[in-house]
PDB file of N, CA and C in Angstrom:
ATOM      1  N   VAL A   1       0.993  -1.290   0.079  1.00  0.00           N
ATOM      2  CA  VAL A   1       0.065  -0.033   0.079  1.00  0.00           C
ATOM      3  C   VAL A   1       0.903   1.263   0.088  1.00  0.00           C
ATOM      4  N   ARG A   2       0.612   2.187  -1.101  1.00  0.00           N
ATOM      5  CA  ARG A   2       1.365   3.299  -1.164  1.00  0.00           C
ATOM      6  C   ARG A   2       0.856   4.541  -0.181  1.00  0.00           C
ATOM      7  N   SER A   3      -0.379   4.579  -0.255  1.00  0.00           N
ATOM      8  CA  SER A   3      -1.244   5.469   0.440  1.00  0.00           C
ATOM      9  C   SER A   3      -2.714   5.091   1.149  1.00  0.00           C
ATOM     10  N   ALA A   4      -3.114   5.472   2.220  1.00  0.00           N
ATOM     11  CA  ALA A   4      -4.640   5.391   2.429  1.00  0.00           C
ATOM     12  C   ALA A   4      -5.049   6.358   3.128  1.00  0.00           C
ATOM     13  N   HIS A   5      -6.321   6.749   2.879  1.00  0.00           N
ATOM     14  CA  HIS A   5      -7.160   8.068   3.303  1.00  0.00           C
ATOM     15  C   HIS A   5      -8.306   7.519   3.525  1.00  0.00           C
ATOM     16  N   ASP A   6      -8.906   8.086   4.918  1.00  0.00           N
ATOM     17  CA  ASP A   6     -10.458   7.838   5.042  1.00  0.00           C
ATOM     18  C   ASP A   6     -11.210   8.896   4.579  1.00  0.00           C
ATOM     19  N   CYS A   7     -12.522   8.461   4.328  1.00  0.00           N
ATOM     20  CA  CYS A   7     -13.547   9.208   3.813  1.00  0.00           C
ATOM     21  C   CYS A   7     -14.360   9.958   4.943  1.00  0.00           C
ATOM     22  N   SER A   8     -14.001   9.927   6.086  1.00  0.00           N
ATOM     23  CA  SER A   8     -15.047  10.402   6.946  1.00  0.00           C
ATOM     24  C   SER A   8     -15.077  11.811   7.232  1.00  0.00           C
ATOM     25  N   ASP A   9     -14.009  12.671   6.670  1.00  0.00           N
ATOM     26  CA  ASP A   9     -13.945  14.114   6.690  1.00  0.00           C
ATOM     27  C   ASP A   9     -14.047  14.727   5.341  1.00  0.00           C
ATOM     28  N   GLY A  10     -15.341  14.928   4.776  1.00  0.00           N
ATOM     29  CA  GLY A  10     -15.642  15.468   3.459  1.00  0.00           C
ATOM     30  C   GLY A  10     -16.141  14.586   2.332  1.00  0.00           C
ATOM     31  N   GLY A  11     -15.947  13.331   2.777  1.00  0.00           N
ATOM     32  CA  GLY A  11     -16.511  12.509   1.643  1.00  0.00           C
ATOM     33  C   GLY A  11     -15.283  11.679   0.606  1.00  0.00           C
ATOM     34  N   LEU A  12     -15.812  10.894  -0.287  1.00  0.00           N
ATOM     35  CA  LEU A  12     -14.672  10.322  -1.074  1.00  0.00           C
ATOM     36  C   LEU A  12     -13.996  11.342  -1.989  1.00  0.00           C
ATOM     37  N   ALA A  13     -14.914  12.147  -2.684  1.00  0.00           N
ATOM     38  CA  ALA A  13     -14.170  13.348  -3.513  1.00  0.00           C
ATOM     39  C   ALA A  13     -13.013  14.313  -2.741  1.00  0.00           C
ATOM     40  N   VAL A  14     -13.242  14.410  -1.480  1.00  0.00           N
ATOM     41  CA  VAL A  14     -12.341  15.266  -0.723  1.00  0.00           C
ATOM     42  C   VAL A  14     -11.143  14.344  -0.506  1.00  0.00           C
ATOM     43  N   ALA A  15     -11.524  13.107  -0.071  1.00  0.00           N
ATOM     44  CA  ALA A  15     -10.261  11.910   0.086  1.00  0.00           C
ATOM     45  C   ALA A  15      -9.414  12.082  -1.151  1.00  0.00           C
ATOM     46  N   LEU A  16     -10.039  11.807  -2.214  1.00  0.00           N
ATOM     47  CA  LEU A  16      -9.234  11.593  -3.560  1.00  0.00           C
ATOM     48  C   LEU A  16      -8.435  12.742  -3.688  1.00  0.00           C
ATOM     49  N   ALA A  17      -9.076  13.901  -3.726  1.00  0.00           N
ATOM     50  CA  ALA A  17      -8.275  15.278  -3.971  1.00  0.00           C
ATOM     51  C   ALA A  17      -7.356  15.449  -2.745  1.00  0.00           C
ATOM     52  N   GLU A  18      -7.504  15.169  -1.833  1.00  0.00           N
ATOM     53  CA  GLU A  18      -6.164  15.410  -0.758  1.00  0.00           C
ATOM     54  C   GLU A  18      -5.246  14.209  -1.017  1.00  0.00           C
ATOM     55  N   SER A  19      -5.625  12.947  -1.418  1.00  0.00           N
ATOM     56  CA  SER A  19      -4.541  11.969  -1.835  1.00  0.00           C
ATOM     57  C   SER A  19      -3.738  12.683  -3.043  1.00  0.00           C
ATOM     58  N   CYS A  20      -4.264  13.446  -3.741  1.00  0.00           N
ATOM     59  CA  CYS A  20      -3.484  13.745  -5.033  1.00  0.00           C
ATOM     60  C   CYS A  20      -2.661  14.883  -4.772  1.00  0.00           C
ATOM     61  N   ILE A  21      -2.791  15.744  -3.767  1.00  0.00           N
ATOM     62  CA  ILE A  21      -2.246  17.016  -3.551  1.00  0.00           C
ATOM     63  C   ILE A  21      -1.483  17.059  -2.434  1.00  0.00           C
ATOM     64  N   MET A  22      -1.466  15.896  -1.392  1.00  0.00           N
ATOM     65  CA  MET A  22      -0.918  16.317  -0.098  1.00  0.00           C
ATOM     66  C   MET A  22       0.649  16.364  -0.137  1.00  0.00           C
ATOM     67  N   ASN A  23       1.133  15.409  -1.026  1.00  0.00           N
ATOM     68  CA  ASN A  23       2.826  15.805  -1.071  1.00  0.00           C
ATOM     69  C   ASN A  23       2.943  16.658  -2.320  1.00  0.00           C
ATOM     70  N   ARG A  24       3.046  18.275  -1.705  1.00  0.00           N
ATOM     71  CA  ARG A  24       3.264  19.260  -2.756  1.00  0.00           C
ATOM     72  C   ARG A  24       4.505  19.281  -3.683  1.00  0.00           C
ATOM     73  N   GLY A  25       5.540  18.309  -3.180  1.00  0.00           N
ATOM     74  CA  GLY A  25       6.518  18.263  -4.132  1.00  0.00           C
ATOM     75  C   GLY A  25       6.484  17.105  -5.411  1.00  0.00           C
ATOM     76  N   GLU A  26       5.473  16.460  -5.292  1.00  0.00           N
ATOM     77  CA  GLU A  26       5.219  15.357  -6.273  1.00  0.00           C
ATOM     78  C   GLU A  26       3.670  15.073  -6.432  1.00  0.00           C
ATOM     79  N   GLN A  27       2.959  15.779  -6.949  1.00  0.00           N
ATOM     80  CA  GLN A  27       1.307  15.529  -7.032  1.00  0.00           C
ATOM     81  C   GLN A  27       0.976  14.985  -8.131  1.00  0.00           C
ATOM     82  N   TYR A  28       0.303  13.784  -7.898  1.00  0.00           N
ATOM     83  CA  TYR A  28      -0.090  12.729  -8.990  1.00  0.00           C
ATOM     84  C   TYR A  28      -1.604  12.838  -9.363  1.00  0.00           C
ATOM     85  N   GLY A  29      -2.030  12.893 -10.399  1.00  0.00           N
ATOM     86  CA  GLY A  29      -3.690  12.759 -10.802  1.00  0.00           C
ATOM     87  C   GLY A  29      -4.163  11.714 -10.587  1.00  0.00           C
ATOM     88  N   ALA A  30      -5.133  11.600 -10.742  1.00  0.00           N
ATOM     89  CA  ALA A  30      -6.025  10.038 -10.747  1.00  0.00           C
ATOM     90  C   ALA A  30      -7.099  10.140 -11.843  1.00  0.00           C
ATOM     91  N   ARG A  31      -7.461   8.971 -12.524  1.00  0.00           N
ATOM     92  CA  ARG A  31      -8.567   8.741 -12.996  1.00  0.00           C
ATOM     93  C   ARG A  31      -9.550   7.697 -12.392  1.00  0.00           C
ATOM     94  N   ILE A  32     -10.762   8.145 -11.848  1.00  0.00           N
ATOM     95  CA  ILE A  32     -11.533   7.464 -11.198  1.00  0.00           C
ATOM     96  C   ILE A  32     -12.970   7.100 -11.623  1.00  0.00           C
ATOM     97  N   ASP A  33     -13.675   6.048 -11.600  1.00  0.00           N
ATOM     98  CA  ASP A  33     -14.900   5.721 -12.204  1.00  0.00           C
ATOM     99  C   ASP A  33     -15.689   5.191 -11.184  1.00  0.00           C
ATOM    100  N   LEU A  34     -16.692   6.031 -10.878  1.00  0.00           N
ATOM    101  CA  LEU A  34     -17.692   5.458  -9.595  1.00  0.00           C
ATOM    102  C   LEU A  34     -18.932   5.101 -10.376  1.00  0.00           C
ATOM    103  N   THR A  35     -19.027   4.915 -11.560  1.00  0.00           N
ATOM    104  CA  THR A  35     -20.330   4.643 -12.378  1.00  0.00           C
ATOM    105  C   THR A  35     -20.988   3.260 -11.592  1.00  0.00           C
ATOM    106  N   HIS A  36     -20.126   2.470 -11.028  1.00  0.00           N
ATOM    107  CA  HIS A  36     -20.736   1.158 -10.387  1.00  0.00           C
ATOM    108  C   HIS A  36     -21.807   1.601  -9.265  1.00  0.00           C
ATOM    109  N   TRP A  37     -21.699   2.813  -8.927  1.00  0.00           N
ATOM    110  CA  TRP A  37     -22.553   3.015  -7.530  1.00  0.00           C
ATOM    111  C   TRP A  37     -23.813   3.955  -8.144  1.00  0.00           C
ATOM    112  N   SER A  38     -24.302   3.799  -9.286  1.00  0.00           N
ATOM    113  CA  SER A  38     -25.273   4.813  -9.996  1.00  0.00           C
ATOM    114  C   SER A  38     -26.552   4.957  -9.308  1.00  0.00           C
ATOM    115  N   GLU A  39     -26.722   3.852  -8.261  1.00  0.00           N
ATOM    116  CA  GLU A  39     -28.206   4.057  -7.579  1.00  0.00           C
ATOM    117  C   GLU A  39     -28.025   5.031  -6.627  1.00  0.00           C
ATOM    118  N   LEU A  40     -26.810   5.712  -6.144  1.00  0.00           N
ATOM    119  CA  LEU A  40     -26.601   6.419  -5.087  1.00  0.00           C
ATOM    120  C   LEU A  40     -26.815   7.871  -5.709  1.00  0.00           C
ATOM    121  N   PRO A  41     -27.387   8.769  -4.737  1.00  0.00           N
ATOM    122  CA  PRO A  41     -27.420  10.100  -5.251  1.00  0.00           C
ATOM    123  C   PRO A  41     -25.954  10.614  -5.135  1.00  0.00           C
ATOM    124  N   THR A  42     -25.723  11.480  -6.348  1.00  0.00           N
ATOM    125  CA  THR A  42     -24.380  11.860  -6.554  1.00  0.00           C
ATOM    126  C   THR A  42     -23.845  12.609  -5.224  1.00  0.00           C
ATOM    127  N   ARG A  43     -24.574  13.504  -4.569  1.00  0.00           N
ATOM    128  CA  ARG A  43     -23.985  13.964  -3.171  1.00  0.00           C
ATOM    129  C   ARG A  43     -23.661  13.168  -2.122  1.00  0.00           C
ATOM    130  N   ALA A  44     -24.610  12.032  -2.074  1.00  0.00           N
ATOM    131  CA  ALA A  44     -23.992  10.942  -1.201  1.00  0.00           C
ATOM    132  C   ALA A  44     -22.736  10.182  -1.651  1.00  0.00           C
ATOM    133  N   LEU A  45     -22.585   9.891  -2.852  1.00  0.00           N
ATOM    134  CA  LEU A  45     -21.560   9.142  -3.279  1.00  0.00           C
ATOM    135  C   LEU A  45     -20.185   9.903  -3.295  1.00  0.00           C
ATOM    136  N   LEU A  46     -20.255  11.415  -3.758  1.00  0.00           N
ATOM    137  CA  LEU A  46     -18.888  11.933  -3.594  1.00  0.00           C
ATOM    138  C   LEU A  46     -18.735  12.691  -2.080  1.00  0.00           C
ATOM    139  N   PHE A  47     -19.992  13.054  -1.340  1.00  0.00           N
ATOM    140  CA  PHE A  47     -19.473  13.637  -0.211  1.00  0.00           C
ATOM    141  C   PHE A  47     -19.835  13.223   1.073  1.00  0.00           C
ATOM    142  N   GLY A  48     -20.629  11.791   0.852  1.00  0.00           N
ATOM    143  CA  GLY A  48     -21.083  11.288   2.222  1.00  0.00           C
ATOM    144  C   GLY A  48     -19.970  10.886   3.107  1.00  0.00           C
ATOM    145  N   GLU A  49     -20.049  11.078   4.220  1.00  0.00           N
ATOM    146  CA  GLU A  49     -19.062  10.986   5.415  1.00  0.00           C
ATOM    147  C   GLU A  49     -19.215   9.640   6.396  1.00  0.00           C
ATOM    148  N   ALA A  50     -19.850   8.602   5.517  1.00  0.00           N
ATOM    149  CA  ALA A  50     -19.951   7.440   6.113  1.00  0.00           C
ATOM    150  C   ALA A  50     -18.697   6.928   6.734  1.00  0.00           C
ATOM    151  N   GLN A  51     -18.604   6.314   8.150  1.00  0.00           N
ATOM    152  CA  GLN A  51     -17.428   5.843   8.530  1.00  0.00           C
ATOM    153  C   GLN A  51     -16.903   4.481   7.712  1.00  0.00           C
ATOM    154  N   ALA A  52     -15.699   4.080   8.146  1.00  0.00           N
ATOM    155  CA  ALA A  52     -15.180   2.845   7.523  1.00  0.00           C
ATOM    156  C   ALA A  52     -14.809   2.765   5.901  1.00  0.00           C
ATOM    157  N   ARG A  53     -14.812   3.964   5.433  1.00  0.00           N
ATOM    158  CA  ARG A  53     -14.455   3.996   3.990  1.00  0.00           C
ATOM    159  C   ARG A  53     -13.032   4.557   3.748  1.00  0.00           C
ATOM    160  N   VAL A  54     -12.334   3.829   2.979  1.00  0.00           N
ATOM    161  CA  VAL A  54     -11.006   4.064   2.833  1.00  0.00           C
ATOM    162  C   VAL A  54     -10.409   4.021   1.453  1.00  0.00           C
ATOM    163  N   VAL A  55      -9.875   5.122   0.930  1.00  0.00           N
ATOM    164  CA  VAL A  55      -9.323   5.136  -0.329  1.00  0.00           C
ATOM    165  C   VAL A  55      -7.699   4.748  -0.361  1.00  0.00           C
ATOM    166  N   VAL A  56      -7.372   3.540  -0.997  1.00  0.00           N
ATOM    167  CA  VAL A  56      -6.022   3.005  -0.809  1.00  0.00           C
ATOM    168  C   VAL A  56      -5.419   2.972  -2.157  1.00  0.00           C
ATOM    169  N   SER A  57      -4.159   3.448  -2.274  1.00  0.00           N
ATOM    170  CA  SER A  57      -3.490   3.222  -3.699  1.00  0.00           C
ATOM    171  C   SER A  57      -2.266   2.227  -3.414  1.00  0.00           C
ATOM    172  N   THR A  58      -2.131   1.514  -4.364  1.00  0.00           N
ATOM    173  CA  THR A  58      -1.196   0.204  -4.381  1.00  0.00           C
ATOM    174  C   THR A  58      -0.795  -0.162  -5.720  1.00  0.00           C
ATOM    175  N   PRO A  59       0.363  -0.548  -5.886  1.00  0.00           N
ATOM    176  CA  PRO A  59       0.848  -1.335  -7.190  1.00  0.00           C
ATOM    177  C   PRO A  59       0.363  -2.645  -7.343  1.00  0.00           C
ATOM    178  N   LEU A  60      -0.388  -3.258  -6.355  1.00  0.00           N
ATOM    179  CA  LEU A  60      -0.804  -4.415  -6.142  1.00  0.00           C
ATOM    180  C   LEU A  60      -2.357  -4.611  -5.947  1.00  0.00           C
ATOM    181  N   PRO A  61      -3.309  -3.889  -6.778  1.00  0.00           N
ATOM    182  CA  PRO A  61      -4.613  -3.860  -6.264  1.00  0.00           C
ATOM    183  C   PRO A  61      -5.046  -5.208  -6.426  1.00  0.00           C
ATOM    184  N   ASN A  62      -4.922  -6.304  -6.944  1.00  0.00           N
ATOM    185  CA  ASN A  62      -5.536  -7.556  -6.884  1.00  0.00           C
ATOM    186  C   ASN A  62      -5.189  -8.288  -5.510  1.00  0.00           C
ATOM    187  N   THR A  63      -3.966  -7.908  -5.069  1.00  0.00           N
ATOM    188  CA  THR A  63      -3.462  -8.464  -3.822  1.00  0.00           C
ATOM    189  C   THR A  63      -4.310  -7.914  -2.703  1.00  0.00           C
ATOM    190  N   VAL A  64      -4.619  -6.490  -2.706  1.00  0.00           N
ATOM    191  CA  VAL A  64      -5.306  -5.776  -1.612  1.00  0.00           C
ATOM    192  C   VAL A  64      -6.738  -6.218  -1.688  1.00  0.00           C
ATOM    193  N   ILE A  65      -7.222  -6.417  -2.833  1.00  0.00           N
ATOM    194  CA  ILE A  65      -8.551  -6.940  -3.001  1.00  0.00           C
ATOM    195  C   ILE A  65      -8.893  -8.315  -2.314  1.00  0.00           C
ATOM    196  N   GLU A  66      -7.815  -9.336  -2.589  1.00  0.00           N
ATOM    197  CA  GLU A  66      -7.774 -10.591  -2.202  1.00  0.00           C
ATOM    198  C   GLU A  66      -7.792 -10.482  -0.772  1.00  0.00           C
ATOM    199  N   ILE A  67      -7.006  -9.845   0.104  1.00  0.00           N
ATOM    200  CA  ILE A  67      -6.942  -9.752   1.449  1.00  0.00           C
ATOM    201  C   ILE A  67      -8.151  -9.343   2.172  1.00  0.00           C
ATOM    202  N   ALA A  68      -8.806  -8.032   1.438  1.00  0.00           N
ATOM    203  CA  ALA A  68      -9.910  -7.607   1.964  1.00  0.00           C
ATOM    204  C   ALA A  68     -11.098  -8.571   1.783  1.00  0.00           C
ATOM    205  N   LYS A  69     -11.100  -9.598   0.682  1.00  0.00           N
ATOM    206  CA  LYS A  69     -12.166 -10.514   0.541  1.00  0.00           C
ATOM    207  C   LYS A  69     -12.001 -11.494   1.551  1.00  0.00           C
ATOM    208  N   GLN A  70     -10.761 -12.144   1.858  1.00  0.00           N
ATOM    209  CA  GLN A  70     -10.644 -12.999   2.866  1.00  0.00           C
ATOM    210  C   GLN A  70     -11.009 -12.442   4.187  1.00  0.00           C
ATOM    211  N   ARG A  71     -10.987 -11.268   4.491  1.00  0.00           N
ATOM    212  CA  ARG A  71     -11.491 -11.007   5.877  1.00  0.00           C
ATOM    213  C   ARG A  71     -13.106 -10.033   5.958  1.00  0.00           C
ATOM    214  N   GLY A  72     -13.567 -10.244   4.677  1.00  0.00           N
ATOM    215  CA  GLY A  72     -15.014  -9.938   4.445  1.00  0.00           C
ATOM    216  C   GLY A  72     -15.456  -8.716   4.408  1.00  0.00           C
ATOM    217  N   ILE A  73     -14.263  -7.924   3.787  1.00  0.00           N
ATOM    218  CA  ILE A  73     -14.077  -6.567   3.768  1.00  0.00           C
ATOM    219  C   ILE A  73     -14.692  -6.131   2.140  1.00  0.00           C
ATOM    220  N   PRO A  74     -15.641  -5.350   2.006  1.00  0.00           N
ATOM    221  CA  PRO A  74     -15.896  -5.018   0.566  1.00  0.00           C
ATOM    222  C   PRO A  74     -14.854  -4.141   0.101  1.00  0.00           C
ATOM    223  N   ALA A  75     -14.467  -4.278  -1.007  1.00  0.00           N
ATOM    224  CA  ALA A  75     -13.297  -3.643  -1.895  1.00  0.00           C
ATOM    225  C   ALA A  75     -13.583  -3.751  -3.269  1.00  0.00           C
ATOM    226  N   ARG A  76     -13.181  -2.660  -3.964  1.00  0.00           N
ATOM    227  CA  ARG A  76     -12.968  -2.710  -5.395  1.00  0.00           C
ATOM    228  C   ARG A  76     -12.207  -1.636  -5.968  1.00  0.00           C
ATOM    229  N   VAL A  77     -11.500  -1.768  -7.161  1.00  0.00           N
ATOM    230  CA  VAL A  77     -10.803  -0.865  -7.833  1.00  0.00           C
ATOM    231  C   VAL A  77     -11.782   0.109  -8.246  1.00  0.00           C
ATOM    232  N   ILE A  78     -11.542   1.379  -7.979  1.00  0.00           N
ATOM    233  CA  ILE A  78     -12.197   2.253  -8.494  1.00  0.00           C
ATOM    234  C   ILE A  78     -11.402   3.470  -9.600  1.00  0.00           C
ATOM    235  N   GLY A  79     -10.173   3.031  -9.911  1.00  0.00           N
ATOM    236  CA  GLY A  79      -9.461   4.058 -10.759  1.00  0.00           C
ATOM    237  C   GLY A  79      -7.936   3.737 -10.752  1.00  0.00           C
ATOM    238  N   GLN A  80      -7.262   4.636 -11.369  1.00  0.00           N
ATOM    239  CA  GLN A  80      -5.787   4.422 -11.327  1.00  0.00           C
ATOM    240  C   GLN A  80      -5.334   5.845 -10.983  1.00  0.00           C
ATOM    241  N   VAL A  81      -4.007   5.730 -10.527  1.00  0.00           N
ATOM    242  CA  VAL A  81      -3.214   7.021 -10.169  1.00  0.00           C
ATOM    243  C   VAL A  81      -2.532   7.377 -11.445  1.00  0.00           C
ATOM    244  N   GLY A  82      -2.752   8.551 -11.794  1.00  0.00           N
ATOM    245  CA  GLY A  82      -1.908   9.204 -13.117  1.00  0.00           C
ATOM    246  C   GLY A  82      -0.685   9.507 -12.871  1.00  0.00           C
ATOM    247  N   ALA A  83       0.017  10.338 -13.647  1.00  0.00           N
ATOM    248  CA  ALA A  83       1.287  10.969 -13.914  1.00  0.00           C
ATOM    249  C   ALA A  83       1.368  12.174 -12.825  1.00  0.00           C
ATOM    250  N   VAL A  84       2.472  12.593 -12.567  1.00  0.00           N
ATOM    251  CA  VAL A  84       2.839  13.829 -11.962  1.00  0.00           C
ATOM    252  C   VAL A  84       2.002  15.213 -12.746  1.00  0.00           C
ATOM    253  N   GLY A  85       1.001  15.861 -12.176  1.00  0.00           N
ATOM    254  CA  GLY A  85       0.647  16.894 -12.690  1.00  0.00           C
ATOM    255  C   GLY A  85      -0.626  16.515 -13.753  1.00  0.00           C
ATOM    256  N   ASP A  86      -1.038  15.246 -13.686  1.00  0.00           N
ATOM    257  CA  ASP A  86      -2.382  14.940 -14.345  1.00  0.00           C
ATOM    258  C   ASP A  86      -3.348  15.623 -13.482  1.00  0.00           C
ATOM    259  N   PRO A  87      -4.540  15.667 -14.180  1.00  0.00           N
ATOM    260  CA  PRO A  87      -5.780  16.251 -13.249  1.00  0.00           C
ATOM    261  C   PRO A  87      -6.453  15.273 -12.538  1.00  0.00           C
ATOM    262  N   LEU A  88      -7.066  15.518 -11.701  1.00  0.00           N
ATOM    263  CA  LEU A  88      -8.133  14.623 -10.955  1.00  0.00           C
ATOM    264  C   LEU A  88      -9.229  14.441 -11.598  1.00  0.00           C
ATOM    265  N   GLN A  89      -9.759  13.181 -12.218  1.00  0.00           N
ATOM    266  CA  GLN A  89     -11.034  13.164 -13.026  1.00  0.00           C
ATOM    267  C   GLN A  89     -11.770  11.984 -12.331  1.00  0.00           C
ATOM    268  N   ILE A  90     -12.985  12.488 -12.137  1.00  0.00           N
ATOM    269  CA  ILE A  90     -14.081  11.498 -11.397  1.00  0.00           C
ATOM    270  C   ILE A  90     -15.099  11.433 -12.336  1.00  0.00           C
ATOM    271  N   ILE A  91     -15.424  10.375 -12.616  1.00  0.00           N
ATOM    272  CA  ILE A  91     -16.700   9.881 -13.544  1.00  0.00           C
ATOM    273  C   ILE A  91     -17.616   9.286 -12.594  1.00  0.00           C
ATOM    274  N   PHE A  92     -18.891   9.770 -12.646  1.00  0.00           N
ATOM    275  CA  PHE A  92     -19.944   9.150 -11.837  1.00  0.00           C
ATOM    276  C   PHE A  92     -21.346   8.923 -12.891  1.00  0.00           C
ATOM    277  N   ALA A  93     -22.403   8.414 -12.460  1.00  0.00           N
ATOM    278  CA  ALA A  93     -23.319   7.946 -13.432  1.00  0.00           C
ATOM    279  C   ALA A  93     -24.187   9.388 -13.960  1.00  0.00           C
ATOM    280  N   GLU A  94     -24.129  10.513 -13.192  1.00  0.00           N
ATOM    281  CA  GLU A  94     -24.692  11.565 -13.897  1.00  0.00           C
ATOM    282  C   GLU A  94     -23.814  12.389 -14.402  1.00  0.00           C
ATOM    283  N   GLY A  95     -22.427  12.340 -14.502  1.00  0.00           N
ATOM    284  CA  GLY A  95     -21.549  13.050 -15.307  1.00  0.00           C
ATOM    285  C   GLY A  95     -20.042  13.028 -14.694  1.00  0.00           C
ATOM    286  N   ALA A  96     -19.366  13.961 -14.846  1.00  0.00           N
ATOM    287  CA  ALA A  96     -17.743  13.855 -14.462  1.00  0.00           C
ATOM    288  C   ALA A  96     -17.408  15.316 -13.704  1.00  0.00           C
ATOM    289  N   LEU A  97     -16.457  15.199 -13.104  1.00  0.00           N
ATOM    290  CA  LEU A  97     -15.453  16.321 -12.655  1.00  0.00           C
ATOM    291  C   LEU A  97     -14.263  16.016 -13.133  1.00  0.00           C
ATOM    292  N   SER A  98     -13.597  17.225 -13.254  1.00  0.00           N
ATOM    293  CA  SER A  98     -12.217  17.059 -13.565  1.00  0.00           C
ATOM    294  C   SER A  98     -11.449  18.538 -13.040  1.00  0.00           C
ATOM    295  N   SER A  99     -10.351  18.600 -12.303  1.00  0.00           N
ATOM    296  CA  SER A  99      -9.712  19.636 -11.954  1.00  0.00           C
ATOM    297  C   SER A  99      -8.232  19.531 -12.092  1.00  0.00           C
ATOM    298  N   PRO A 100      -7.687  20.445 -12.490  1.00  0.00           N
ATOM    299  CA  PRO A 100      -6.135  20.474 -12.498  1.00  0.00           C
ATOM    300  C   PRO A 100      -5.580  20.747 -11.114  1.00  0.00           C
ATOM    301  N   LEU A 101      -4.632  19.794 -10.632  1.00  0.00           N
ATOM    302  CA  LEU A 101      -3.991  19.691  -9.435  1.00  0.00           C
ATOM    303  C   LEU A 101      -3.596  21.162  -8.836  1.00  0.00           C
ATOM    304  N   ALA A 102      -3.069  21.776  -9.657  1.00  0.00           N
ATOM    305  CA  ALA A 102      -2.897  23.307  -9.249  1.00  0.00           C
ATOM    306  C   ALA A 102      -3.943  24.067  -8.648  1.00  0.00           C
ATOM    307  N   ARG A 103      -5.248  24.130  -9.129  1.00  0.00           N
ATOM    308  CA  ARG A 103      -6.352  24.699  -8.532  1.00  0.00           C
ATOM    309  C   ARG A 103      -6.707  23.874  -7.247  1.00  0.00           C
ATOM    310  N   LEU A 104      -6.731  22.778  -7.111  1.00  0.00           N
ATOM    311  CA  LEU A 104      -6.989  22.019  -5.797  1.00  0.00           C
ATOM    312  C   LEU A 104      -6.050  22.324  -5.019  1.00  0.00           C
ATOM    313  N   ASP A 105      -4.674  22.430  -5.239  1.00  0.00           N
ATOM    314  CA  ASP A 105      -3.658  22.537  -4.147  1.00  0.00           C
ATOM    315  C   ASP A 105      -3.826  24.232  -3.700  1.00  0.00           C
ATOM    316  N   ASP A 106      -4.134  25.018  -4.619  1.00  0.00           N
ATOM    317  CA  ASP A 106      -4.244  26.431  -4.127  1.00  0.00           C
ATOM    318  C   ASP A 106      -5.523  26.566  -3.159  1.00  0.00           C
ATOM    319  N   ALA A 107      -6.640  25.879  -3.503  1.00  0.00           N
ATOM    320  CA  ALA A 107      -7.900  25.900  -2.488  1.00  0.00           C
ATOM    321  C   ALA A 107      -7.433  25.313  -1.248  1.00  0.00           C
ATOM    322  N   TYR A 108      -6.661  24.222  -1.369  1.00  0.00           N
ATOM    323  CA  TYR A 108      -6.635  23.283  -0.110  1.00  0.00           C
ATOM    324  C   TYR A 108      -5.610  24.135   0.889  1.00  0.00           C
ATOM    325  N   HIS A 109      -4.369  24.366   0.209  1.00  0.00           N
ATOM    326  CA  HIS A 109      -2.970  24.732   1.053  1.00  0.00           C
ATOM    327  C   HIS A 109      -2.907  26.361   1.145  1.00  0.00           C
ATOM    328  N   GLU A 110      -3.675  27.035   0.268  1.00  0.00           N
ATOM    329  CA  GLU A 110      -3.182  28.554   0.320  1.00  0.00           C
ATOM    330  C   GLU A 110      -4.521  29.396   0.862  1.00  0.00           C
ATOM    331  N   THR A 111      -5.690  28.782   1.029  1.00  0.00           N
ATOM    332  CA  THR A 111      -7.015  29.660   1.289  1.00  0.00           C
ATOM    333  C   THR A 111      -6.642  30.271   2.439  1.00  0.00           C
ATOM    334  N   LEU A 112      -6.299  29.461   3.863  1.00  0.00           N
ATOM    335  CA  LEU A 112      -6.195  30.139   4.986  1.00  0.00           C
ATOM    336  C   LEU A 112      -5.084  31.165   5.113  1.00  0.00           C
ATOM    337  N   PRO A 113      -3.896  30.754   4.572  1.00  0.00           N
ATOM    338  CA  PRO A 113      -2.940  31.742   4.645  1.00  0.00           C
ATOM    339  C   PRO A 113      -3.269  33.002   4.061  1.00  0.00           C
ATOM    340  N   ARG A 114      -3.938  33.146   2.833  1.00  0.00           N
ATOM    341  CA  ARG A 114      -4.504  34.042   2.182  1.00  0.00           C
ATOM    342  C   ARG A 114      -5.435  34.846   3.026  1.00  0.00           C
ATOM    343  N   ILE A 115      -6.432  34.335   3.732  1.00  0.00           N
ATOM    344  CA  ILE A 115      -7.224  35.011   4.501  1.00  0.00           C
ATOM    345  C   ILE A 115      -6.597  35.817   5.635  1.00  0.00           C
ATOM    346  N   MET A 116      -5.691  34.782   6.101  1.00  0.00           N
ATOM    347  CA  MET A 116      -4.988  35.389   7.394  1.00  0.00           C
ATOM    348  C   MET A 116      -4.029  36.475   7.288  1.00  0.00           C
ATOM    349  N   SER A 117      -3.785  36.786   5.906  1.00  0.00           N
ATOM    350  CA  SER A 117      -2.664  37.650   5.690  1.00  0.00           C
ATOM    351  C   SER A 117      -3.534  39.046   5.192  1.00  0.00           C
ATOM    352  N   MET A 118      -4.728  38.961   5.079  1.00  0.00           N
ATOM    353  CA  MET A 118      -5.764  40.005   4.716  1.00  0.00           C
ATOM    354  C   MET A 118      -5.552  41.109   6.027  1.00  0.00           C
ATOM    355  N   PRO A 119      -5.687  42.333   5.692  1.00  0.00           N
ATOM    356  CA  PRO A 119      -5.741  43.401   6.512  1.00  0.00           C
ATOM    357  C   PRO A 119      -6.982  43.312   7.331  1.00  0.00           C
ATOM    358  N   VAL A 120      -7.040  43.731   8.565  1.00  0.00           N
ATOM    359  CA  VAL A 120      -8.232  43.675   9.474  1.00  0.00           C
ATOM    360  C   VAL A 120      -9.413  44.519   8.467  1.00  0.00           C
ATOM    361  N   GLY A 121     -10.659  43.863   8.651  1.00  0.00           N
ATOM    362  CA  GLY A 121     -11.588  44.633   7.903  1.00  0.00           C
ATOM    363  C   GLY A 121     -11.567  44.701   6.297  1.00  0.00           C
ATOM    364  N   GLY A 122     -10.583  43.989   5.857  1.00  0.00           N
ATOM    365  CA  GLY A 122     -10.111  43.799   4.170  1.00  0.00           C
ATOM    366  C   GLY A 122     -11.168  42.932   3.643  1.00  0.00           C
ATOM    367  N   THR A 123     -11.392  42.885   2.485  1.00  0.00           N
ATOM    368  CA  THR A 123     -11.822  41.909   1.646  1.00  0.00           C
ATOM    369  C   THR A 123     -11.301  41.446   0.581  1.00  0.00           C
TER     370      THR A 123
END
């Protein structure tokens, strides 16, 4: 396992975005296909904060799936890690989202510093 990120704080879309941008020196995009869960409302699928959901990246997905199966843990491959600088792309039953990592990085890492550097009473 190269990385693991729980979905309890922001949901699956947030966990995927954070996984892509957390290492600011080497940010990898991803291509994710969530069409398997077409019966779920999009908002619940992308942002539901249900406990015990984890996004794992690994070069050995079949091994991880088999270990999970042996322990009665539902697991499935939902996509692939892309190259450094690739966007995060998420496909779901009702459409798709795509964002450059630079945009996600700025929103995640720079919003609070930007707000904190504003003059008092400034906008």
